[in-house]
Amino acid sequence: MPKKDIDLFSRLYAGALDLKNRIVMAPMTRSRAEDDGMPTELMAEYYAQRAGAGLIISEGTWPCPMGKGYIRTPGIYTEEQVDAWGKVTEAVHAAGGSIVMQLMHAGRISDPSFLPDSATPVSASAVRPEGQSYTAEGLKPHVTPRALEVDEIEEIVEDYRIATAMAFQAGFDGVELHAASGYLPEQFLCSSTNQRTDDYGGSVENRARFILELLDAMTSVRSGDYIGIKIAPEMGFNDLHDDNPQETYGYLVDQLGDFRLAYLHVALFGTEVDYHSLLKPRFRGDAYLVGGGLTRESGEALIQSGCADAAVYGTPFIANPDLPERFRRNAPLAEADKDTFYAPGPKGYVDYPKRDE
């Protein structure tokens, strides 16, 4: 239904989350954490600079040591990490913002050099992905992962429950399950990476089981009003595809209703299928967030047409820490320096000025 009286700057309640506007900062890996997964003071400054967003979704954060997939990415499984993340959330809240943590287990998109005792990465099945890992020693081809045993799956579900509790302990306003981009939850969901013959493989009901068990664990910590999920049908990132994505994602979204989630975050990149028309009517949670190369105009059009409740922006937030204010003024946007997206240090991270500066 059209919502002409609602725009990017209208307030939105997504479950228990109070969004002062409908401009959401996307989760973006920026590789500024310590090698042991500790968040840094630089990260606190970075997120606080962008507190003008209605909601900040943190970079993907590994819930256990086997979940790490990239160099200098943060974790949330030790008390020290909780304390360090607490400085980030405190800085964001002091600047008037709201922030949720995205939990991300990379699964097979990893390298033994990242993992305890140089372990082999894990996945739904032993299917090697094309591509390379960016490590401290440079690019390395992905290795063939090891298929998880059922008892190990149960342990990972428990890891997510504990990580969710730790995220709230660190002061986050909510938690998002990353079930996109070819990482472990989507490796279970999609047919190309799930060749199992047990209760976690074969039918769409079985392939979706892992994601639903993760959400069950996460919502046992705090109700679905505080929990979101990100999906990206047909994204193809990290060498992943599904034989029947409309059936797969339609079924998954149908099942989300049992959790009454704060939001469903859907990112689309170049697919010919109108997934928003397929999925939004089937989502029985609260808010429907849309991302994927949006401009100010396209984001507002989605909201006013009723196709989305909020618009999610990634790269524009990197070079424009005051993106909502620039949108409000129709001011020109600065361009981000791609060479510093994943480089260590403050350059290209916290040194982009606000327009008034």
Protein backbone atom coordinates (compact mmCIF):
# COMPACT_ATOMS: atom_id res chain seq x y z
CA MET A 1 0.00 0.00 0.00
CA PRO A 2 1.42 3.44 -0.94
CA LYS A 3 2.67 5.54 1.98
CA LYS A 4 3.06 9.00 0.48
CA ASP A 5 3.08 10.63 3.92
CA ILE A 6 6.09 8.52 5.00
CA ASP A 7 9.63 9.16 3.80
CA LEU A 8 13.24 8.35 4.67
CA PHE A 9 13.10 10.65 7.69
CA SER A 10 9.96 9.22 9.30
CA ARG A 11 10.26 7.37 12.59
CA LEU A 12 9.93 3.58 12.51
CA TYR A 13 9.36 1.03 15.25
CA ALA A 14 10.83 -2.32 14.22
CA GLY A 15 9.82 -4.60 17.03
CA ALA A 16 11.51 -3.16 20.12
CA LEU A 17 13.89 -1.10 17.98
CA ASP A 18 13.11 2.62 17.80
CA LEU A 19 14.49 4.03 14.52
CA LYS A 20 14.59 7.83 14.43
CA ASN A 21 14.64 7.63 10.64
CA ARG A 22 14.39 4.90 8.00
CA ILE A 23 17.99 5.16 6.78
CA VAL A 24 19.85 2.04 7.91
CA MET A 25 23.62 1.56 7.79
CA ALA A 26 24.42 -1.81 6.25
CA PRO A 27 26.80 -4.31 7.86
CA MET A 28 30.20 -3.85 6.21
CA THR A 29 33.46 -5.67 6.89
CA ARG A 30 36.16 -3.03 7.42
CA SER A 31 39.01 -5.10 8.96
CA ARG A 32 39.96 -2.72 11.78
CA ALA A 33 39.74 -5.15 14.69
CA GLU A 34 42.71 -6.77 16.36
CA ASP A 35 43.87 -10.14 15.02
CA ASP A 36 42.38 -11.85 18.08
CA GLY A 37 38.94 -10.43 17.31
CA MET A 38 39.07 -7.56 19.81
CA PRO A 39 37.15 -4.44 18.77
CA THR A 40 39.21 -1.25 18.93
CA GLU A 41 38.75 2.36 19.98
CA LEU A 42 38.98 3.25 16.30
CA MET A 43 35.87 1.15 15.69
CA ALA A 44 34.02 3.02 18.44
CA GLU A 45 34.87 6.31 16.74
CA TYR A 46 33.82 4.99 13.33
CA TYR A 47 30.40 3.80 14.43
CA ALA A 48 29.71 6.86 16.59
CA GLN A 49 30.43 9.11 13.59
CA ARG A 50 27.55 7.39 11.79
CA ALA A 51 25.03 7.50 14.63
CA GLY A 52 22.74 9.69 12.54
CA ALA A 53 21.46 6.51 10.91
CA GLY A 54 18.10 5.29 12.12
CA LEU A 55 19.85 1.99 12.78
CA ILE A 56 23.44 0.78 12.46
CA ILE A 57 24.00 -2.90 11.71
CA SER A 58 27.50 -3.84 12.79
CA GLU A 59 30.03 -5.60 10.63
CA GLY A 60 29.79 -9.38 10.63
CA THR A 61 31.06 -10.70 13.97
CA TRP A 62 32.11 -14.30 14.55
CA PRO A 63 30.28 -16.09 17.38
CA CYS A 64 33.03 -18.66 17.95
CA PRO A 65 36.69 -19.14 16.98
CA MET A 66 35.78 -21.48 14.07
CA GLY A 67 33.55 -18.77 12.58
CA LYS A 68 36.30 -16.37 11.53
CA GLY A 69 36.62 -15.82 7.80
CA TYR A 70 38.62 -12.65 7.26
CA ILE A 71 41.67 -10.86 8.56
CA ARG A 72 41.16 -8.33 11.41
CA THR A 73 37.45 -9.04 11.91
CA PRO A 74 35.83 -8.93 15.37
CA GLY A 75 34.46 -11.70 17.56
CA ILE A 76 31.95 -11.92 20.40
CA TYR A 77 32.76 -14.98 22.50
CA THR A 78 35.01 -13.71 25.34
CA GLU A 79 34.35 -11.33 28.19
CA GLU A 80 37.21 -9.13 26.94
CA GLN A 81 35.47 -8.78 23.58
CA VAL A 82 32.22 -7.97 25.34
CA ASP A 83 33.93 -5.17 27.27
CA ALA A 84 35.51 -3.78 24.11
CA TRP A 85 32.22 -3.89 22.22
CA GLY A 86 30.66 -2.10 25.19
CA LYS A 87 32.80 0.94 24.37
CA VAL A 88 31.45 0.87 20.81
CA THR A 89 27.79 0.72 21.85
CA GLU A 90 28.35 3.36 24.54
CA ALA A 91 29.84 5.72 21.94
CA VAL A 92 26.96 5.13 19.52
CA HIS A 93 24.32 5.66 22.19
CA ALA A 94 26.06 8.80 23.45
CA ALA A 95 25.83 10.16 19.90
CA GLY A 96 22.10 9.43 19.78
CA GLY A 97 22.23 6.27 17.67
CA SER A 98 20.99 2.69 17.78
CA ILE A 99 23.07 -0.35 16.83
CA VAL A 100 22.49 -4.06 16.42
CA MET A 101 25.18 -6.72 16.13
CA GLN A 102 25.34 -8.95 13.08
CA LEU A 103 26.44 -12.49 13.90
CA MET A 104 28.37 -14.09 11.05
CA HIS A 105 29.91 -17.58 10.89
CA ALA A 106 31.93 -17.77 7.66
CA GLY A 107 31.88 -21.55 7.47
CA ARG A 108 33.81 -22.70 4.39
CA ILE A 109 34.72 -19.11 3.41
CA SER A 110 37.76 -19.17 5.63
CA ASP A 111 41.33 -20.40 5.79
CA PRO A 112 43.16 -22.65 8.29
CA SER A 113 45.44 -19.73 9.17
CA PHE A 114 42.43 -18.01 10.80
CA LEU A 115 41.26 -21.02 12.81
CA PRO A 116 42.38 -22.69 16.06
CA ASP A 117 45.27 -25.12 15.52
CA SER A 118 45.09 -24.44 11.76
CA ALA A 119 41.82 -26.39 11.60
CA THR A 120 40.02 -27.12 8.34
CA PRO A 121 37.04 -24.79 7.76
CA VAL A 122 33.62 -26.36 8.26
CA SER A 123 30.44 -26.34 6.20
CA ALA A 124 27.22 -28.22 5.55
CA SER A 125 29.10 -30.48 3.10
CA ALA A 126 32.63 -30.93 1.84
CA VAL A 127 32.23 -28.69 -1.21
CA ARG A 128 35.20 -26.44 -1.98
CA PRO A 129 34.32 -22.88 -3.00
CA GLU A 130 35.98 -21.09 -5.85
CA GLY A 131 37.88 -17.97 -4.86
CA GLN A 132 40.53 -16.96 -2.38
CA SER A 133 40.99 -15.90 1.23
CA TYR A 134 42.76 -12.64 2.00
CA THR A 135 45.19 -13.55 4.77
CA ALA A 136 48.18 -11.95 6.48
CA GLU A 137 50.36 -13.81 3.97
CA GLY A 138 48.32 -12.62 0.98
CA LEU A 139 45.69 -14.35 -1.13
CA LYS A 140 45.27 -18.12 -0.67
CA PRO A 141 42.89 -20.41 -2.58
CA HIS A 142 39.96 -21.65 -0.53
CA VAL A 143 40.37 -25.18 0.78
CA THR A 144 37.86 -28.03 0.79
CA PRO A 145 35.85 -27.73 4.02
CA ARG A 146 34.91 -30.52 6.38
CA ALA A 147 31.23 -31.45 6.72
CA LEU A 148 29.91 -30.80 10.21
CA GLU A 149 28.70 -33.69 12.36
CA VAL A 150 25.24 -33.34 13.89
CA ASP A 151 26.63 -32.84 17.40
CA GLU A 152 28.87 -30.07 16.05
CA ILE A 153 25.84 -28.36 14.51
CA GLU A 154 24.21 -28.40 17.94
CA GLU A 155 27.35 -26.83 19.41
CA ILE A 156 27.28 -24.01 16.85
CA VAL A 157 23.62 -23.34 17.63
CA GLU A 158 24.65 -22.98 21.27
CA ASP A 159 27.52 -20.69 20.22
CA TYR A 160 24.97 -18.37 18.61
CA ARG A 161 22.82 -18.40 21.74
CA ILE A 162 25.78 -17.44 23.91
CA ALA A 163 26.97 -14.81 21.40
CA THR A 164 23.48 -13.28 21.35
CA ALA A 165 23.50 -13.01 25.14
CA MET A 166 26.96 -11.47 25.04
CA ALA A 167 25.86 -8.93 22.42
CA PHE A 168 23.10 -7.71 24.73
CA GLN A 169 25.57 -7.74 27.61
CA ALA A 170 27.77 -5.44 25.51
CA GLY A 171 24.89 -2.98 25.12
CA PHE A 172 23.63 -3.73 21.62
CA ASP A 173 20.01 -2.85 20.94
CA GLY A 174 19.41 -6.02 18.96
CA VAL A 175 21.08 -8.85 17.04
CA GLU A 176 20.93 -9.77 13.36
CA LEU A 177 21.50 -13.27 11.99
CA HIS A 178 23.60 -13.11 8.82
CA ALA A 179 22.02 -15.74 6.56
CA ALA A 180 23.36 -14.37 3.28
CA SER A 181 26.58 -13.83 1.31
CA GLY A 182 27.44 -17.52 1.12
CA TYR A 183 28.31 -17.95 4.81
CA LEU A 184 27.48 -20.94 7.00
CA PRO A 185 23.70 -20.49 7.45
CA GLU A 186 23.25 -20.05 3.71
CA GLN A 187 25.63 -22.95 3.04
CA PHE A 188 23.06 -25.12 4.79
CA LEU A 189 20.11 -23.47 3.06
CA CYS A 190 21.22 -23.71 -0.57
CA SER A 191 21.38 -26.85 -2.68
CA SER A 192 24.82 -26.23 -4.21
CA THR A 193 26.56 -26.37 -0.83
CA ASN A 194 24.29 -28.76 1.05
CA GLN A 195 24.63 -32.36 -0.12
CA ARG A 196 23.71 -33.92 3.20
CA THR A 197 21.42 -36.93 3.51
CA ASP A 198 20.47 -36.47 7.18
CA ASP A 199 17.88 -34.20 8.80
CA TYR A 200 19.81 -31.11 7.66
CA GLY A 201 19.90 -31.92 3.94
CA GLY A 202 17.80 -32.82 0.93
CA SER A 203 14.37 -31.17 1.19
CA VAL A 204 13.95 -27.43 1.62
CA GLU A 205 12.48 -28.14 5.04
CA ASN A 206 15.69 -29.89 6.08
CA ARG A 207 18.02 -27.35 4.49
CA ALA A 208 16.26 -24.51 6.33
CA ARG A 209 16.45 -26.35 9.66
CA PHE A 210 19.82 -24.92 10.71
CA ILE A 211 18.74 -21.29 10.24
CA LEU A 212 15.51 -21.89 12.13
CA GLU A 213 17.39 -23.56 14.98
CA LEU A 214 19.73 -20.58 15.15
CA LEU A 215 16.78 -18.20 15.39
CA ASP A 216 15.17 -20.39 18.03
CA ALA A 217 18.35 -20.15 20.10
CA MET A 218 18.72 -16.41 19.58
CA THR A 219 15.10 -15.64 20.46
CA SER A 220 15.44 -17.75 23.62
CA VAL A 221 17.79 -15.03 24.91
CA ARG A 222 15.46 -12.16 24.14
CA SER A 223 12.20 -12.12 22.19
CA GLY A 224 12.02 -11.79 18.43
CA ASP A 225 11.26 -8.08 18.89
CA TYR A 226 15.03 -7.64 19.28
CA ILE A 227 16.18 -10.04 16.54
CA GLY A 228 16.52 -9.58 12.78
CA ILE A 229 17.73 -11.71 9.88
CA LYS A 230 19.47 -10.86 6.63
CA ILE A 231 18.97 -12.83 3.42
CA ALA A 232 20.06 -12.17 -0.17
CA PRO A 233 18.38 -14.48 -2.70
CA GLU A 234 20.43 -15.24 -5.83
CA MET A 235 23.28 -13.04 -4.67
CA GLY A 236 25.78 -15.65 -5.86
CA PHE A 237 28.52 -14.28 -3.61
CA ASN A 238 31.16 -16.75 -2.43
CA ASP A 239 30.31 -19.32 -5.11
CA LEU A 240 26.85 -20.24 -3.88
CA HIS A 241 23.59 -20.89 -5.71
CA ASP A 242 20.32 -22.70 -5.18
CA ASP A 243 18.44 -24.81 -7.73
CA ASN A 244 15.05 -23.34 -6.83
CA PRO A 245 15.64 -20.08 -4.94
CA GLN A 246 12.05 -18.83 -5.07
CA GLU A 247 10.81 -21.99 -3.36
CA THR A 248 13.74 -22.02 -0.91
CA TYR A 249 13.48 -18.41 0.23
CA GLY A 250 9.70 -18.40 0.13
CA TYR A 251 9.63 -21.38 2.47
CA LEU A 252 12.20 -19.83 4.80
CA VAL A 253 10.32 -16.54 5.08
CA ASP A 254 7.06 -18.42 5.74
CA GLN A 255 8.73 -20.05 8.75
CA LEU A 256 9.99 -16.76 10.19
CA GLY A 257 6.50 -15.85 11.34
CA ASP A 258 6.83 -18.14 14.34
CA PHE A 259 9.55 -15.88 15.74
CA ARG A 260 7.80 -12.49 15.29
CA LEU A 261 11.12 -10.90 14.34
CA ALA A 262 11.87 -7.19 14.56
CA TYR A 263 12.82 -7.15 10.89
CA LEU A 264 13.68 -9.04 7.73
CA HIS A 265 16.63 -7.50 5.88
CA VAL A 266 16.62 -8.40 2.17
CA ALA A 267 19.54 -7.39 -0.06
CA LEU A 268 19.14 -7.84 -3.82
CA PHE A 269 21.82 -7.45 -6.46
CA GLY A 270 20.81 -7.78 -10.10
CA THR A 271 18.31 -10.61 -9.83
CA GLU A 272 15.52 -10.66 -12.44
CA VAL A 273 12.98 -11.96 -9.93
CA ASP A 274 10.92 -9.45 -7.95
CA TYR A 275 11.69 -11.01 -4.60
CA HIS A 276 10.19 -8.13 -2.66
CA SER A 277 6.74 -8.87 -4.10
CA LEU A 278 7.31 -12.55 -3.32
CA LEU A 279 8.67 -12.21 0.21
CA LYS A 280 7.25 -9.08 1.83
CA PRO A 281 3.63 -10.35 1.92
CA ARG A 282 4.86 -13.61 3.47
CA PHE A 283 6.85 -11.98 6.27
CA ARG A 284 4.83 -12.02 9.49
CA GLY A 285 7.36 -10.07 11.53
CA ASP A 286 7.52 -6.32 11.93
CA ALA A 287 9.67 -4.28 9.52
CA TYR A 288 10.88 -5.14 6.00
CA LEU A 289 14.30 -3.64 5.24
CA VAL A 290 15.60 -3.41 1.66
CA GLY A 291 19.19 -2.92 0.53
CA GLY A 292 21.33 -3.29 -2.56
CA GLY A 293 22.82 -0.30 -4.39
CA LEU A 294 20.11 2.17 -3.39
CA THR A 295 20.18 5.93 -3.94
CA ARG A 296 18.30 8.51 -1.94
CA GLU A 297 15.59 8.55 -4.61
CA SER A 298 15.24 4.79 -5.02
CA GLY A 299 15.20 4.23 -1.27
CA GLU A 300 12.49 6.80 -0.73
CA ALA A 301 10.47 5.40 -3.64
CA LEU A 302 10.54 1.93 -2.06
CA ILE A 303 9.29 3.33 1.24
CA GLN A 304 6.58 5.53 -0.24
CA SER A 305 5.33 2.72 -2.49
CA GLY A 306 5.00 0.41 0.51
CA CYS A 307 7.63 -2.01 -0.82
CA ALA A 308 9.93 -1.37 2.14
CA ASP A 309 9.76 0.02 5.66
CA ALA A 310 13.40 1.17 5.67
CA ALA A 311 16.25 1.52 3.16
CA VAL A 312 19.69 0.05 3.82
CA TYR A 313 22.84 1.83 2.58
CA GLY A 314 26.36 0.46 2.53
CA THR A 315 29.17 2.17 0.60
CA PRO A 316 27.64 5.68 0.82
CA PHE A 317 28.03 5.52 4.61
CA ILE A 318 31.77 4.90 4.31
CA ALA A 319 32.65 8.31 2.85
CA ASN A 320 29.62 10.14 4.25
CA PRO A 321 29.38 9.64 8.02
CA ASP A 322 26.54 12.18 8.01
CA LEU A 323 24.64 10.45 5.18
CA PRO A 324 21.12 11.08 6.58
CA GLU A 325 21.82 14.81 6.89
CA ARG A 326 23.22 14.94 3.36
CA PHE A 327 20.11 13.18 2.13
CA ARG A 328 17.94 15.68 4.02
CA ARG A 329 19.72 18.60 2.37
CA ASN A 330 20.03 16.95 -1.04
CA ALA A 331 23.74 17.62 -0.67
CA PRO A 332 26.36 15.95 -2.89
CA LEU A 333 27.94 12.76 -1.63
CA ALA A 334 31.66 12.15 -1.20
CA GLU A 335 33.24 9.17 -2.96
CA ALA A 336 34.79 6.35 -0.92
CA ASP A 337 38.40 5.29 -1.43
CA LYS A 338 38.17 1.59 -2.29
CA ASP A 339 41.87 1.06 -1.60
CA THR A 340 41.25 1.64 2.12
CA PHE A 341 38.08 -0.45 2.53
CA TYR A 342 39.98 -3.24 4.31
CA ALA A 343 43.29 -1.56 5.13
CA PRO A 344 44.35 -1.17 8.78
CA GLY A 345 44.45 2.21 10.48
CA PRO A 346 42.38 5.40 10.43
CA LYS A 347 42.90 6.39 6.78
CA GLY A 348 39.71 5.85 4.81
CA TYR A 349 37.93 4.86 8.00
CA VAL A 350 37.42 7.74 10.44
CA ASP A 351 38.93 10.62 8.44
CA TYR A 352 36.00 11.34 6.11
CA PRO A 353 34.62 14.74 7.16
CA LYS A 354 31.00 15.61 7.67
CA ARG A 355 29.71 18.19 5.20
CA ASP A 356 29.73 21.01 7.76
CA GLU A 357 33.35 20.25 8.57
